[in-house]
Amino acid sequence: METRLSDEPNPILVLLAQVESTSSYSVYGINFLILLGLLILSAMLAGSEVAFFSLSADERAACRDSDSGTERKISKLLDKPQLLLATLLIFINLVNITFITIATYVTEQIVGEEEKEGLIATLVLLVGVTFIITFFGELIPKVWAQQNNLRFAKITAPLLEIATIIFQPLSSVLLGISNIIEKRVERKGYTITADELNHALEITTGKDTSEQEKDILKGIVNFGSISAKSVMRSRRDITAFDITFNFHELMDKINKSGYSRVPVFRETIDKIEGILYIKDLLSHIDKDEHFKWQELIHQPFFIPESKKIDDLLYDFQEKRVHMAVVVNEYGETEGIVTMEDIIEEIVGDIHDESDVEDLGYVKLNDGSYEFEGKVALNDVCRALSLDNDYFDKVRGDSESLGGLLIELFARLPHAGEEVEYEKYKFRVSSVDTRRIKKVKVSPKVERVVEDTKEGKKDIE
């Protein structure tokens, strides 16, 4: 008698398979929830890094003085920025490593251990996890945190306060190693040009920054690169007194000059004997013409043409003087520089109630400018809103507009002659036998050639 095995499945085995399948789905679901939680945590930590360190000084001060406990936590965390940054880096790396480990395990469970399928799954996992962490865990939260830094910092401050305590042993070790390396490694300075700094100012100053504030910032950036020769009053424009004047002659000259400090020379302007402070004469106004006013002059302060005005300002402060005499390599007087000349390079022209405003140029109705030939090139650049080094390629040793034109023409030009340089056209308005007196400066007109049926036509 033959015994036949039934083809029907064993109910117990079917039930066990269903239970195992349901259990697997539950495990996968839990793993995916864990991965989602880790991704959200990674996004919060990445955003916190931007949010905390982008808070302005005013926002930090407000948090420090706030009645809100959360805002005071923000201030407390920022009091130790290195510890906060170390905590964030440790926490972020821990979360991301955990995310990758769990994602790898889930992928292996789903795909199995076959070599070909495993290789494909590994590649997909690599690309997918990289995209997810970079886009959802880094990029999006950092962009949002940059725009809502204080709000984001308030959300994550309690979490980071706890994390700082938990990871403090490891953070302290890392900071200690970092300090040791920092002490042993020689620090390298950063070389950055004035042009790069000016460009940085243009892209970092916001809409709320006025043009005057931008000019002041640019003046500070360029301050260390400007020489005394660039800002001095040239020798032909110096008001100076002869040491042989009697007291009445001196007082007459003082009344006409209107200056509070005046150089005193013997024989020629190249022999400066000292600087006379007009305030020293106030107690001697009633003296006769034989009064020895020469005994009141102060020792002159001589400087070379190449001295930078930032160093000169420091010398003025140290020596407690307000005027310096600029001399060339032969000891001849080239000009004078005052404290006011230096400050004007930062804040612009300064005028008091006794000044007669003489800018050395006028703006014409057609948008062009008429300058005096003696105007300093720095003042020309300021009037035309140009960088101070705009004419450096062609200026040679010239410091005035007239000197620049002599460099461009390679001779003393005649009235009516024109020359162009980059975006501007220079027309000599008037000239005498020795110098250029007035110059008209206007933007060059760009000409475009247009093809027409009648031929080519210039369009301004």
Protein backbone atom coordinates (compact mmCIF):
# COMPACT_ATOMS: atom_id res chain seq x y z
CA MET A 1 0.00 0.00 0.00
CA GLU A 2 1.52 3.34 -1.10
CA THR A 3 1.61 6.47 1.12
CA ARG A 4 1.36 9.79 -0.79
CA LEU A 5 2.55 13.04 0.73
CA SER A 6 -0.01 15.81 0.51
CA ASP A 7 0.83 18.74 -1.82
CA GLU A 8 -1.01 21.12 0.47
CA PRO A 9 1.27 23.56 2.48
CA ASN A 10 1.65 23.01 6.15
CA PRO A 11 -0.53 25.58 7.98
CA ILE A 12 2.00 25.93 10.78
CA LEU A 13 4.84 26.76 8.38
CA VAL A 14 2.65 29.30 6.55
CA LEU A 15 1.77 30.97 9.83
CA LEU A 16 5.44 31.14 10.86
CA ALA A 17 6.35 32.68 7.49
CA GLN A 18 3.65 35.32 7.85
CA VAL A 19 4.81 36.17 11.37
CA GLU A 20 8.44 36.42 10.17
CA SER A 21 7.40 38.66 7.25
CA THR A 22 5.34 40.92 9.51
CA SER A 23 8.21 41.10 11.99
CA SER A 24 10.64 42.06 9.19
CA TYR A 25 8.36 44.87 8.02
CA SER A 26 8.12 46.15 11.59
CA VAL A 27 11.90 46.13 11.95
CA TYR A 28 12.29 47.98 8.64
CA GLY A 29 9.70 50.54 9.71
CA ILE A 30 11.47 51.15 13.00
CA ASN A 31 14.81 51.50 11.22
CA PHE A 32 13.38 54.01 8.74
CA LEU A 33 11.91 56.04 11.60
CA ILE A 34 15.31 56.05 13.30
CA LEU A 35 16.96 57.18 10.05
CA LEU A 36 14.41 59.98 9.69
CA GLY A 37 15.04 61.09 13.27
CA LEU A 38 18.81 61.08 12.75
CA LEU A 39 18.43 63.13 9.55
CA ILE A 40 16.32 65.73 11.37
CA LEU A 41 18.87 65.84 14.20
CA SER A 42 21.73 66.26 11.71
CA ALA A 43 19.84 69.13 10.02
CA MET A 44 19.28 70.87 13.37
CA LEU A 45 22.95 70.58 14.31
CA ALA A 46 24.19 71.80 10.91
CA GLY A 47 21.81 74.75 11.04
CA SER A 48 22.92 75.55 14.58
CA GLU A 49 26.52 75.93 13.44
CA VAL A 50 25.44 78.72 11.08
CA ALA A 51 22.80 80.23 13.36
CA PHE A 52 25.01 80.68 16.42
CA PHE A 53 28.08 82.02 14.65
CA SER A 54 26.16 84.44 12.40
CA LEU A 55 24.56 86.36 15.27
CA SER A 56 25.58 90.02 15.24
CA ALA A 57 27.19 91.79 18.20
CA ASP A 58 23.90 93.59 18.90
CA GLU A 59 21.96 90.31 18.93
CA ARG A 60 24.50 88.73 21.29
CA ALA A 61 24.26 91.72 23.62
CA ALA A 62 20.45 91.50 23.55
CA CYS A 63 20.61 87.78 24.42
CA ARG A 64 23.02 88.50 27.27
CA ASP A 65 20.68 91.08 28.83
CA SER A 66 17.43 89.26 28.01
CA ASP A 67 14.93 88.01 30.57
CA SER A 68 14.40 84.87 28.47
CA GLY A 69 16.18 81.80 29.78
CA THR A 70 16.66 80.42 26.26
CA GLU A 71 18.35 83.60 25.05
CA ARG A 72 20.63 83.61 28.07
CA LYS A 73 21.59 80.01 27.17
CA ILE A 74 22.58 81.26 23.70
CA SER A 75 24.80 83.91 25.26
CA LYS A 76 26.33 81.36 27.65
CA LEU A 77 27.15 78.96 24.80
CA LEU A 78 28.75 81.76 22.75
CA ASP A 79 30.95 82.76 25.68
CA LYS A 80 33.00 79.62 24.83
CA PRO A 81 32.87 79.52 21.02
CA GLN A 82 35.63 76.93 20.61
CA LEU A 83 33.93 74.52 22.99
CA LEU A 84 30.60 75.05 21.21
CA LEU A 85 32.16 74.41 17.80
CA ALA A 86 33.93 71.26 19.03
CA THR A 87 30.67 69.96 20.51
CA LEU A 88 28.81 70.61 17.25
CA LEU A 89 31.45 68.86 15.15
CA ILE A 90 31.52 65.80 17.44
CA PHE A 91 27.73 65.59 17.58
CA ILE A 92 27.28 66.03 13.80
CA ASN A 93 29.87 63.37 12.97
CA LEU A 94 28.37 60.94 15.49
CA VAL A 95 24.88 61.37 14.06
CA ASN A 96 26.04 61.03 10.44
CA ILE A 97 28.11 57.91 11.15
CA THR A 98 25.13 56.32 12.93
CA PHE A 99 22.88 57.23 9.99
CA ILE A 100 25.25 55.60 7.49
CA THR A 101 25.67 52.46 9.63
CA ILE A 102 21.92 51.88 10.00
CA ALA A 103 21.31 52.66 6.30
CA THR A 104 23.95 50.07 5.34
CA TYR A 105 22.41 47.43 7.61
CA VAL A 106 18.89 48.00 6.23
CA THR A 107 20.18 47.83 2.66
CA GLU A 108 21.94 44.50 3.32
CA GLN A 109 18.78 43.06 4.88
CA ILE A 110 16.66 44.07 1.90
CA VAL A 111 19.05 43.10 -0.90
CA GLY A 112 20.73 40.07 0.61
CA GLU A 113 24.32 38.94 0.41
CA GLU A 114 24.67 38.14 -3.31
CA GLU A 115 27.88 39.68 -4.63
CA LYS A 116 26.47 41.41 -7.73
CA GLU A 117 23.36 42.77 -6.06
CA GLY A 118 25.41 43.79 -3.04
CA LEU A 119 27.80 45.84 -5.18
CA ILE A 120 24.96 47.67 -6.93
CA ALA A 121 23.25 48.31 -3.59
CA THR A 122 26.48 49.70 -2.13
CA LEU A 123 26.83 52.18 -5.01
CA VAL A 124 23.19 53.24 -4.72
CA LEU A 125 23.58 53.58 -0.97
CA LEU A 126 26.74 55.70 -1.37
CA VAL A 127 25.12 58.13 -3.81
CA GLY A 128 21.78 58.21 -2.02
CA VAL A 129 23.12 58.78 1.48
CA THR A 130 25.55 61.45 0.25
CA PHE A 131 22.72 63.33 -1.48
CA ILE A 132 20.34 63.02 1.47
CA ILE A 133 22.85 64.18 4.09
CA THR A 134 24.23 66.99 1.92
CA PHE A 135 20.90 68.36 0.70
CA PHE A 136 18.50 67.71 3.58
CA GLY A 137 21.03 67.55 6.41
CA GLU A 138 23.34 70.43 5.42
CA LEU A 139 22.24 72.76 2.63
CA ILE A 140 18.57 73.41 3.42
CA PRO A 141 18.97 73.85 7.21
CA LYS A 142 22.00 76.14 6.80
CA VAL A 143 20.20 78.39 4.30
CA TRP A 144 17.17 78.61 6.57
CA ALA A 145 19.32 79.17 9.67
CA GLN A 146 21.24 81.98 7.95
CA GLN A 147 17.98 83.85 7.36
CA ASN A 148 16.48 83.04 10.78
CA ASN A 149 19.59 82.74 12.94
CA LEU A 150 18.20 83.92 16.27
CA ARG A 151 15.02 81.89 15.93
CA PHE A 152 16.97 78.75 14.99
CA ALA A 153 19.42 79.29 17.86
CA LYS A 154 16.53 79.50 20.33
CA ILE A 155 15.20 76.13 19.11
CA THR A 156 18.50 74.27 19.43
CA ALA A 157 20.05 76.04 22.46
CA PRO A 158 18.62 73.59 25.10
CA LEU A 159 19.83 70.57 23.09
CA LEU A 160 23.31 72.03 22.65
CA GLU A 161 23.56 72.93 26.32
CA ILE A 162 23.00 69.26 27.22
CA ALA A 163 25.35 68.07 24.44
CA THR A 164 28.09 70.41 25.68
CA ILE A 165 27.95 68.74 29.09
CA ILE A 166 27.83 65.18 27.65
CA PHE A 167 30.67 65.67 25.16
CA GLN A 168 32.80 67.95 27.33
CA PRO A 169 35.44 65.28 28.16
CA LEU A 170 36.00 64.53 24.48
CA SER A 171 35.76 68.22 23.49
CA SER A 172 38.36 69.17 26.09
CA VAL A 173 40.78 66.57 24.72
CA LEU A 174 40.29 67.83 21.18
CA LEU A 175 40.74 71.48 22.22
CA GLY A 176 43.89 70.57 24.14
CA ILE A 177 45.39 68.83 21.09
CA SER A 178 44.36 71.78 18.92
CA ASN A 179 46.09 74.25 21.25
CA ILE A 180 49.30 72.19 21.24
CA ILE A 181 49.33 72.03 17.43
CA GLU A 182 48.56 75.75 17.18
CA LYS A 183 51.51 76.63 19.39
CA ARG A 184 53.92 74.42 17.46
CA VAL A 185 52.83 75.40 13.95
CA GLU A 186 54.07 78.77 12.78
CA ARG A 187 51.23 81.09 11.90
CA LYS A 188 51.29 82.45 8.39
CA GLY A 189 50.07 85.93 7.67
CA TYR A 190 47.51 86.63 5.00
CA THR A 191 48.45 88.86 2.10
CA ILE A 192 45.56 90.87 0.77
CA THR A 193 45.63 93.91 -1.47
CA ALA A 194 43.73 97.17 -1.05
CA ASP A 195 41.78 96.34 -4.23
CA GLU A 196 40.62 93.04 -2.74
CA LEU A 197 39.58 94.80 0.46
CA ASN A 198 37.68 97.46 -1.51
CA HIS A 199 35.92 94.71 -3.48
CA ALA A 200 35.07 92.96 -0.20
CA LEU A 201 33.55 96.20 1.10
CA GLU A 202 31.39 96.54 -2.01
CA ILE A 203 29.92 93.04 -1.66
CA THR A 204 29.53 93.05 2.13
CA THR A 205 28.02 96.49 2.74
CA GLY A 206 24.26 96.32 2.62
CA LYS A 207 21.57 98.63 1.31
CA ASP A 208 21.39 100.39 4.68
CA THR A 209 25.00 101.58 4.32
CA SER A 210 25.15 105.14 2.98
CA GLU A 211 27.65 106.31 0.37
CA GLN A 212 29.33 108.46 3.00
CA GLU A 213 29.84 105.42 5.24
CA LYS A 214 31.25 103.44 2.29
CA ASP A 215 33.67 106.28 1.51
CA ILE A 216 34.85 106.31 5.13
CA LEU A 217 35.40 102.54 5.08
CA LYS A 218 37.33 102.80 1.81
CA GLY A 219 39.39 105.62 3.29
CA ILE A 220 40.34 103.39 6.22
CA VAL A 221 41.25 100.51 3.87
CA ASN A 222 43.51 102.74 1.74
CA PHE A 223 44.90 104.65 4.73
CA GLY A 224 48.10 102.65 5.05
CA SER A 225 48.98 102.90 1.35
CA ILE A 226 48.84 106.70 0.96
CA SER A 227 52.09 108.65 1.13
CA ALA A 228 52.59 112.10 2.63
CA LYS A 229 53.42 113.41 -0.84
CA SER A 230 49.94 112.44 -2.04
CA VAL A 231 48.11 114.57 0.54
CA MET A 232 50.54 117.46 1.13
CA ARG A 233 50.00 121.07 0.16
CA SER A 234 52.68 121.77 -2.46
CA ARG A 235 55.37 124.38 -1.84
CA ARG A 236 53.85 126.90 -4.27
CA ASP A 237 50.64 126.90 -2.21
CA ILE A 238 52.34 127.19 1.21
CA THR A 239 51.72 130.33 3.26
CA ALA A 240 54.96 130.99 5.18
CA PHE A 241 56.51 133.98 7.01
CA ASP A 242 60.00 135.37 6.70
CA ILE A 243 61.85 135.27 10.00
CA THR A 244 63.09 138.85 9.36
CA PHE A 245 59.58 140.35 9.56
CA ASN A 246 59.05 142.81 12.39
CA PHE A 247 56.08 142.28 14.67
CA HIS A 248 53.76 144.68 12.82
CA GLU A 249 54.55 143.09 9.46
CA LEU A 250 53.94 139.68 10.96
CA MET A 251 50.54 140.64 12.39
CA ASP A 252 49.49 142.05 9.04
CA LYS A 253 50.40 138.78 7.31
CA ILE A 254 48.61 136.75 9.98
CA ASN A 255 45.38 138.73 9.55
CA LYS A 256 45.46 138.07 5.81
CA SER A 257 46.33 134.37 6.03
CA GLY A 258 43.74 133.10 8.51
CA TYR A 259 45.87 130.09 9.52
CA SER A 260 46.51 128.94 13.09
CA ARG A 261 49.96 127.43 12.36
CA VAL A 262 52.40 128.84 9.82
CA PRO A 263 55.94 127.79 8.80
CA VAL A 264 58.69 130.36 9.30
CA PHE A 265 61.64 130.41 6.86
CA ARG A 266 64.98 132.16 6.50
CA GLU A 267 65.89 133.47 3.02
CA THR A 268 63.99 130.75 1.07
CA ILE A 269 61.17 128.29 1.71
CA ASP A 270 63.78 125.50 1.61
CA LYS A 271 65.20 126.76 4.92
CA ILE A 272 62.35 126.27 7.39
CA GLU A 273 63.35 127.58 10.82
CA GLY A 274 60.25 126.51 12.70
CA ILE A 275 56.46 126.62 13.04
CA LEU A 276 54.67 129.62 14.54
CA TYR A 277 51.52 128.91 16.56
CA ILE A 278 49.27 131.96 16.29
CA LYS A 279 47.76 131.27 19.73
CA ASP A 280 51.19 132.01 21.26
CA LEU A 281 50.88 135.63 20.09
CA LEU A 282 47.55 136.34 21.81
CA SER A 283 49.20 137.55 25.01
CA HIS A 284 51.57 139.81 23.04
CA ILE A 285 49.16 141.64 20.74
CA ASP A 286 49.85 144.99 22.39
CA LYS A 287 53.62 144.75 21.85
CA ASP A 288 55.46 147.14 19.53
CA GLU A 289 57.18 146.33 16.26
CA HIS A 290 60.43 145.46 18.00
CA PHE A 291 58.92 142.50 19.87
CA LYS A 292 61.05 139.36 19.34
CA TRP A 293 58.33 137.06 18.11
CA GLN A 294 60.97 134.73 16.64
CA GLU A 295 61.54 133.32 20.14
CA LEU A 296 58.06 131.79 20.08
CA ILE A 297 58.50 129.52 17.07
CA HIS A 298 58.46 125.74 17.60
CA GLN A 299 60.89 123.15 16.31
CA PRO A 300 59.82 121.95 12.81
CA PHE A 301 59.05 118.30 12.15
CA PHE A 302 60.56 117.12 8.85
CA ILE A 303 59.44 113.97 7.05
CA PRO A 304 60.37 112.31 3.71
CA GLU A 305 57.96 112.28 0.76
CA SER A 306 57.52 108.51 0.97
CA LYS A 307 56.28 108.40 4.59
CA LYS A 308 52.87 106.77 4.89
CA ILE A 309 50.16 108.84 6.52
CA ASP A 310 49.21 106.10 9.00
CA ASP A 311 52.75 106.26 10.41
CA LEU A 312 52.62 110.06 10.26
CA LEU A 313 49.40 110.13 12.27
CA TYR A 314 51.09 108.03 14.95
CA ASP A 315 54.04 110.47 14.96
CA PHE A 316 51.68 113.41 15.32
CA GLN A 317 50.08 111.75 18.34
CA GLU A 318 53.42 110.83 19.91
CA LYS A 319 55.12 114.19 19.32
CA ARG A 320 51.92 116.19 19.94
CA VAL A 321 52.30 118.24 16.78
CA HIS A 322 49.84 119.01 14.00
CA MET A 323 52.09 119.93 11.07
CA ALA A 324 54.99 118.31 9.25
CA VAL A 325 57.29 119.69 6.55
CA VAL A 326 57.77 117.32 3.60
CA VAL A 327 61.29 117.37 2.16
CA ASN A 328 62.88 115.57 -0.78
CA GLU A 329 66.16 113.67 -0.89
CA TYR A 330 68.10 116.94 -1.21
CA GLY A 331 66.46 118.50 1.85
CA GLU A 332 64.36 120.90 -0.23
CA THR A 333 60.85 121.71 0.92
CA GLU A 334 58.19 119.92 -1.15
CA GLY A 335 55.14 120.85 0.91
CA ILE A 336 53.43 120.59 4.28
CA VAL A 337 51.04 118.06 5.77
CA THR A 338 48.68 118.82 8.64
CA MET A 339 46.57 116.63 10.90
CA GLU A 340 43.51 117.88 9.04
CA ASP A 341 44.93 116.65 5.71
CA ILE A 342 45.30 113.14 7.15
CA ILE A 343 41.82 113.01 8.72
CA GLU A 344 40.28 114.23 5.46
CA GLU A 345 41.58 111.10 3.73
CA ILE A 346 39.12 109.13 5.86
CA VAL A 347 36.13 111.39 6.45
CA GLY A 348 36.36 113.69 3.43
CA ASP A 349 36.86 117.43 3.26
CA ILE A 350 36.54 119.33 6.55
CA HIS A 351 35.46 122.96 6.52
CA ASP A 352 35.04 125.30 9.46
CA GLU A 353 33.31 128.68 9.64
CA SER A 354 36.46 130.55 8.60
CA ASP A 355 37.19 128.41 5.53
CA VAL A 356 36.44 129.69 2.06
CA GLU A 357 35.36 126.58 0.23
CA ASP A 358 37.80 125.97 -2.62
CA LEU A 359 37.61 122.42 -3.84
CA GLY A 360 39.87 123.10 -6.81
CA TYR A 361 37.17 122.02 -9.27
CA VAL A 362 33.64 122.75 -10.43
CA LYS A 363 31.08 120.43 -11.97
CA LEU A 364 29.73 121.70 -15.27
CA ASN A 365 26.18 121.37 -16.57
CA ASP A 366 27.14 118.71 -19.13
CA GLY A 367 28.40 116.39 -16.37
CA SER A 368 32.09 117.11 -16.93
CA TYR A 369 34.47 118.72 -14.43
CA GLU A 370 36.89 121.62 -14.64
CA PHE A 371 39.87 121.15 -12.35
CA GLU A 372 42.73 123.39 -11.44
CA GLY A 373 46.00 121.91 -12.61
CA LYS A 374 47.42 121.95 -9.08
CA VAL A 375 44.66 119.70 -7.66
CA ALA A 376 46.07 116.52 -6.13
CA LEU A 377 45.31 113.29 -8.01
CA ASN A 378 43.79 111.87 -4.83
CA ASP A 379 41.23 114.70 -4.90
CA VAL A 380 40.58 114.07 -8.59
CA CYS A 381 39.90 110.39 -7.85
CA ARG A 382 37.61 111.34 -4.99
CA ALA A 383 35.62 113.77 -7.15
CA LEU A 384 35.25 111.20 -9.95
CA SER A 385 34.53 108.32 -7.52
CA LEU A 386 37.65 106.40 -8.61
CA ASP A 387 40.09 104.26 -6.68
CA ASN A 388 43.21 106.10 -5.50
CA ASP A 389 45.42 103.92 -7.72
CA TYR A 390 43.44 104.60 -10.91
CA PHE A 391 46.24 106.64 -12.51
CA ASP A 392 49.20 104.71 -11.05
CA LYS A 393 50.23 103.20 -14.40
CA VAL A 394 50.80 106.59 -16.03
CA ARG A 395 51.31 109.11 -13.23
CA GLY A 396 55.04 108.52 -12.77
CA ASP A 397 56.16 110.71 -9.86
CA SER A 398 53.32 113.21 -10.38
CA GLU A 399 50.97 114.03 -7.52
CA SER A 400 48.84 116.70 -9.27
CA LEU A 401 46.52 116.64 -12.26
CA GLY A 402 48.82 118.99 -14.15
CA GLY A 403 51.77 116.67 -13.55
CA LEU A 404 49.71 113.73 -14.81
CA LEU A 405 48.97 115.51 -18.09
CA ILE A 406 52.64 116.38 -18.56
CA GLU A 407 53.35 112.64 -18.15
CA LEU A 408 50.64 111.75 -20.68
CA PHE A 409 51.80 114.34 -23.25
CA ALA A 410 55.51 113.85 -22.40
CA ARG A 411 55.76 117.67 -22.59
CA LEU A 412 53.99 120.83 -21.47
CA PRO A 413 50.81 120.88 -23.61
CA HIS A 414 49.19 123.93 -25.23
CA ALA A 415 45.72 125.22 -24.42
CA GLY A 416 43.03 123.28 -26.31
CA GLU A 417 45.02 120.05 -26.60
CA GLU A 418 43.31 116.83 -25.58
CA VAL A 419 44.45 113.43 -24.38
CA GLU A 420 42.51 110.31 -23.36
CA TYR A 421 43.18 107.76 -20.66
CA GLU A 422 40.90 104.77 -20.18
CA LYS A 423 37.37 106.12 -19.56
CA TYR A 424 38.18 109.85 -19.47
CA LYS A 425 39.17 112.64 -21.83
CA PHE A 426 41.36 115.51 -20.59
CA ARG A 427 41.28 118.90 -22.33
CA VAL A 428 43.76 121.61 -21.32
CA SER A 429 41.68 124.76 -20.79
CA SER A 430 44.45 127.19 -19.89
CA VAL A 431 48.21 127.06 -19.45
CA ASP A 432 51.09 129.49 -18.91
CA THR A 433 54.76 129.17 -19.75
CA ARG A 434 55.50 126.93 -16.75
CA ARG A 435 52.41 125.02 -15.69
CA ILE A 436 48.93 123.81 -16.56
CA LYS A 437 46.33 126.04 -14.92
CA LYS A 438 42.94 124.47 -15.75
CA VAL A 439 41.84 121.11 -17.16
CA LYS A 440 38.43 119.92 -18.30
CA VAL A 441 37.76 116.25 -17.54
CA SER A 442 34.85 114.44 -19.17
CA PRO A 443 33.88 110.79 -19.75
CA LYS A 444 34.79 109.41 -23.16
CA VAL A 445 31.83 108.97 -25.51
CA GLU A 446 31.59 105.37 -26.63
CA ARG A 447 30.93 105.06 -30.35
CA VAL A 448 29.11 102.08 -31.83
CA VAL A 449 29.37 101.33 -35.55
CA GLU A 450 26.02 100.31 -37.05
CA ASP A 451 25.66 98.74 -40.48
CA THR A 452 22.95 100.40 -42.58
CA LYS A 453 21.92 100.26 -46.22
CA GLU A 454 23.76 103.49 -46.82
CA GLY A 455 26.90 102.09 -45.21
CA LYS A 456 28.40 102.17 -41.73
CA LYS A 457 27.26 104.91 -39.36
CA ASP A 458 28.69 105.98 -36.00
CA ILE A 459 26.20 106.15 -33.14
CA GLU A 460 27.18 107.92 -29.92
